[in-house]
Amino acid sequence: MPENTLNKPKLTILAMSQIAVCAAMLCVSAYITIPIPFIPVPFTMQVLMVLLTALLLKPPYALTAQVIYTLLGIVGLPVFSGGKSGFGTILSPTGGFILGFILAAFFVSLLKGKNESILRFILITIFVGIPCIYIPGIAFYMIYANADLITALTALTSVFILVDIAKCVIASILALLIRKALLKARLL
């Protein structure tokens, strides 16, 4: 057997199930929305689920779950925030956040490390996950709202940053608890 195939993660039934459950959680999290007056980006639980998925799954699996979620929305299933769907949602002021979810899922999962540490999980989700989500989100908002950087940063980060940091802490705690339970059940 060639050496490079030994290091590739195997897509087992368990891995496919984990990806499917995480993709489903991402879909459900988009329905937990609170609209914010004067801002086209609602408060959702998507950031929490993206980060939780990243902390639970291996990088290719976290990426796959997020891509599946995104593709489900693009093809017309109402899985984006507020039940939106279609490619037009990607080309809207909130579309950058959806693309940022893909980046965050992969990079947080990649950088979480092998040693499970609450501090490491929190720091990675805050300093890698949030920028991965915010940078494309703010860029799309600037383009579609015709806003300058300061206006976009003020409008989007002042409302969301503290809540998103809290989501990072919650995702980190949940990930450690879930990983512990999955290890005990020999499902991880």
Protein backbone atom coordinates (compact mmCIF):
# COMPACT_ATOMS: atom_id res chain seq x y z
CA MET A 1 0.00 0.00 0.00
CA PRO A 2 1.43 3.43 -0.87
CA GLU A 3 2.55 5.38 2.18
CA ASN A 4 0.49 8.50 1.40
CA THR A 5 -2.79 6.55 1.58
CA LEU A 6 -2.04 5.40 5.13
CA ASN A 7 -2.21 8.93 6.51
CA LYS A 8 -5.49 9.91 4.87
CA PRO A 9 -8.50 9.87 7.16
CA LYS A 10 -10.94 7.12 6.27
CA LEU A 11 -14.53 8.11 5.61
CA THR A 12 -16.20 5.53 7.79
CA ILE A 13 -19.90 5.21 8.54
CA LEU A 14 -19.18 6.82 11.90
CA ALA A 15 -17.42 9.76 10.23
CA MET A 16 -20.25 10.17 7.71
CA SER A 17 -22.76 10.12 10.58
CA GLN A 18 -20.79 12.74 12.50
CA ILE A 19 -20.62 14.96 9.39
CA ALA A 20 -24.35 14.54 8.78
CA VAL A 21 -25.28 15.35 12.39
CA CYS A 22 -23.08 18.45 12.36
CA ALA A 23 -24.50 19.60 9.00
CA ALA A 24 -28.01 19.13 10.43
CA MET A 25 -27.06 21.14 13.55
CA LEU A 26 -25.81 23.91 11.29
CA CYS A 27 -29.15 23.93 9.45
CA VAL A 28 -31.14 24.10 12.69
CA SER A 29 -28.91 26.83 14.14
CA ALA A 30 -29.81 29.16 11.27
CA TYR A 31 -33.44 29.12 12.39
CA ILE A 32 -32.59 30.50 15.81
CA THR A 33 -32.54 34.14 14.71
CA ILE A 34 -33.15 37.50 16.29
CA PRO A 35 -33.38 40.36 13.77
CA ILE A 36 -31.49 43.50 14.69
CA PRO A 37 -33.02 46.83 13.61
CA PHE A 38 -31.05 48.78 11.00
CA ILE A 39 -28.59 45.93 10.30
CA PRO A 40 -29.23 43.29 7.61
CA VAL A 41 -27.29 40.65 9.57
CA PRO A 42 -29.42 38.92 12.25
CA PHE A 43 -28.24 37.37 15.50
CA THR A 44 -28.15 33.56 15.00
CA MET A 45 -26.70 30.48 16.64
CA GLN A 46 -24.71 29.63 13.51
CA VAL A 47 -21.38 30.87 14.86
CA LEU A 48 -21.77 28.61 17.90
CA MET A 49 -22.53 25.58 15.72
CA VAL A 50 -19.76 26.29 13.22
CA LEU A 51 -17.22 26.48 16.04
CA LEU A 52 -18.64 23.46 17.84
CA THR A 53 -18.46 21.44 14.60
CA ALA A 54 -14.85 22.56 14.11
CA LEU A 55 -13.91 21.52 17.63
CA LEU A 56 -15.62 18.13 17.38
CA LEU A 57 -14.56 16.97 13.93
CA LYS A 58 -11.27 16.42 12.11
CA PRO A 59 -10.43 19.26 9.68
CA PRO A 60 -11.61 17.53 6.46
CA TYR A 61 -14.83 16.44 8.19
CA ALA A 62 -15.54 19.89 9.66
CA LEU A 63 -14.94 21.40 6.23
CA THR A 64 -17.20 18.79 4.61
CA ALA A 65 -20.04 19.44 7.09
CA GLN A 66 -19.86 23.18 6.44
CA VAL A 67 -19.67 22.77 2.66
CA ILE A 68 -22.66 20.40 2.73
CA TYR A 69 -24.62 22.98 4.75
CA THR A 70 -23.68 25.73 2.29
CA LEU A 71 -24.50 23.63 -0.77
CA LEU A 72 -27.87 22.67 0.70
CA GLY A 73 -28.68 26.37 0.96
CA ILE A 74 -27.36 27.21 -2.49
CA VAL A 75 -29.47 24.51 -4.17
CA GLY A 76 -32.62 25.89 -2.59
CA LEU A 77 -33.19 24.32 0.82
CA PRO A 78 -34.12 27.04 3.34
CA VAL A 79 -31.15 26.49 5.65
CA PHE A 80 -29.63 29.97 5.77
CA SER A 81 -30.62 32.42 8.51
CA GLY A 82 -34.29 33.22 8.54
CA GLY A 83 -35.08 30.36 6.16
CA LYS A 84 -33.32 31.95 3.20
CA SER A 85 -31.83 29.91 0.39
CA GLY A 86 -30.34 30.14 -3.08
CA PHE A 87 -27.14 31.45 -4.57
CA GLY A 88 -28.49 34.98 -4.20
CA THR A 89 -28.07 34.67 -0.45
CA ILE A 90 -24.34 34.13 -0.96
CA LEU A 91 -24.32 37.31 -3.06
CA SER A 92 -25.98 39.39 -0.34
CA PRO A 93 -24.71 41.43 2.62
CA THR A 94 -24.76 38.26 4.76
CA GLY A 95 -23.10 36.02 2.16
CA GLY A 96 -19.60 36.74 3.38
CA PHE A 97 -20.46 35.29 6.76
CA ILE A 98 -21.60 32.05 5.13
CA LEU A 99 -18.30 31.81 3.27
CA GLY A 100 -16.47 32.71 6.48
CA PHE A 101 -18.15 29.77 8.20
CA ILE A 102 -16.36 27.44 5.77
CA LEU A 103 -12.99 29.04 6.55
CA ALA A 104 -13.61 28.97 10.30
CA ALA A 105 -14.72 25.34 10.31
CA PHE A 106 -11.53 24.23 8.59
CA PHE A 107 -8.96 26.46 10.30
CA VAL A 108 -10.32 26.11 13.85
CA SER A 109 -10.44 22.34 13.42
CA LEU A 110 -6.93 22.32 11.96
CA LEU A 111 -5.45 24.44 14.75
CA LYS A 112 -7.32 23.00 17.75
CA GLY A 113 -4.50 20.55 18.38
CA LYS A 114 -4.52 17.04 19.75
CA ASN A 115 -4.38 17.97 23.43
CA GLU A 116 -7.84 18.99 24.54
CA SER A 117 -7.60 22.19 26.55
CA ILE A 118 -10.40 24.61 27.34
CA LEU A 119 -8.01 27.55 27.14
CA ARG A 120 -6.64 26.45 23.77
CA PHE A 121 -10.16 25.87 22.39
CA ILE A 122 -11.32 29.30 23.58
CA LEU A 123 -8.26 31.10 22.20
CA ILE A 124 -8.43 29.32 18.83
CA THR A 125 -12.14 30.02 18.41
CA ILE A 126 -11.76 33.68 19.36
CA PHE A 127 -8.52 34.51 17.55
CA VAL A 128 -8.93 32.24 14.51
CA GLY A 129 -12.64 31.46 14.23
CA ILE A 130 -14.05 34.96 14.67
CA PRO A 131 -11.63 36.60 12.19
CA CYS A 132 -12.30 33.83 9.63
CA ILE A 133 -16.01 34.62 9.90
CA TYR A 134 -15.82 38.39 10.27
CA ILE A 135 -13.32 39.28 7.54
CA PRO A 136 -15.36 37.94 4.58
CA GLY A 137 -18.57 39.02 6.34
CA ILE A 138 -17.40 42.59 6.73
CA ALA A 139 -15.98 42.64 3.18
CA PHE A 140 -19.31 41.53 1.65
CA TYR A 141 -21.21 43.98 3.84
CA MET A 142 -18.94 46.81 2.66
CA ILE A 143 -19.56 45.89 -0.98
CA TYR A 144 -23.31 45.39 -0.80
CA ALA A 145 -24.13 48.15 1.69
CA ASN A 146 -21.66 50.53 -0.01
CA ALA A 147 -20.12 51.15 3.40
CA ASP A 148 -16.60 52.13 4.35
CA LEU A 149 -14.48 49.95 6.64
CA ILE A 150 -15.12 51.95 9.81
CA THR A 151 -18.89 51.97 9.26
CA ALA A 152 -18.92 48.22 8.53
CA LEU A 153 -16.71 47.40 11.53
CA THR A 154 -18.83 49.56 13.83
CA ALA A 155 -22.14 48.21 12.52
CA LEU A 156 -21.16 44.56 12.64
CA THR A 157 -18.63 44.13 15.41
CA SER A 158 -20.13 46.47 18.01
CA VAL A 159 -23.36 44.48 17.94
CA PHE A 160 -21.95 40.96 17.65
CA ILE A 161 -18.44 40.73 19.10
CA LEU A 162 -19.25 40.19 22.78
CA VAL A 163 -22.00 37.70 21.97
CA ASP A 164 -19.70 35.86 19.56
CA ILE A 165 -16.94 35.69 22.17
CA ALA A 166 -19.49 34.17 24.57
CA LYS A 167 -20.40 31.67 21.82
CA CYS A 168 -16.69 30.76 21.56
CA VAL A 169 -16.58 29.99 25.28
CA ILE A 170 -19.83 27.99 25.13
CA ALA A 171 -18.70 26.06 22.04
CA SER A 172 -15.40 25.23 23.74
CA ILE A 173 -17.08 23.97 26.91
CA LEU A 174 -19.66 21.95 24.96
CA ALA A 175 -16.96 20.49 22.71
CA LEU A 176 -14.95 19.22 25.67
CA LEU A 177 -18.04 17.71 27.31
CA ILE A 178 -19.25 16.10 24.07
CA ARG A 179 -15.77 14.81 23.17
CA LYS A 180 -15.44 13.29 26.66
CA ALA A 181 -18.82 11.54 26.27
CA LEU A 182 -17.96 10.34 22.74
CA LEU A 183 -14.60 8.98 23.91
CA LYS A 184 -16.28 7.17 26.78
CA ALA A 185 -18.75 5.64 24.32
CA ARG A 186 -15.86 4.85 21.93
CA LEU A 187 -17.43 6.97 19.19
CA LEU A 188 -14.48 9.26 18.69
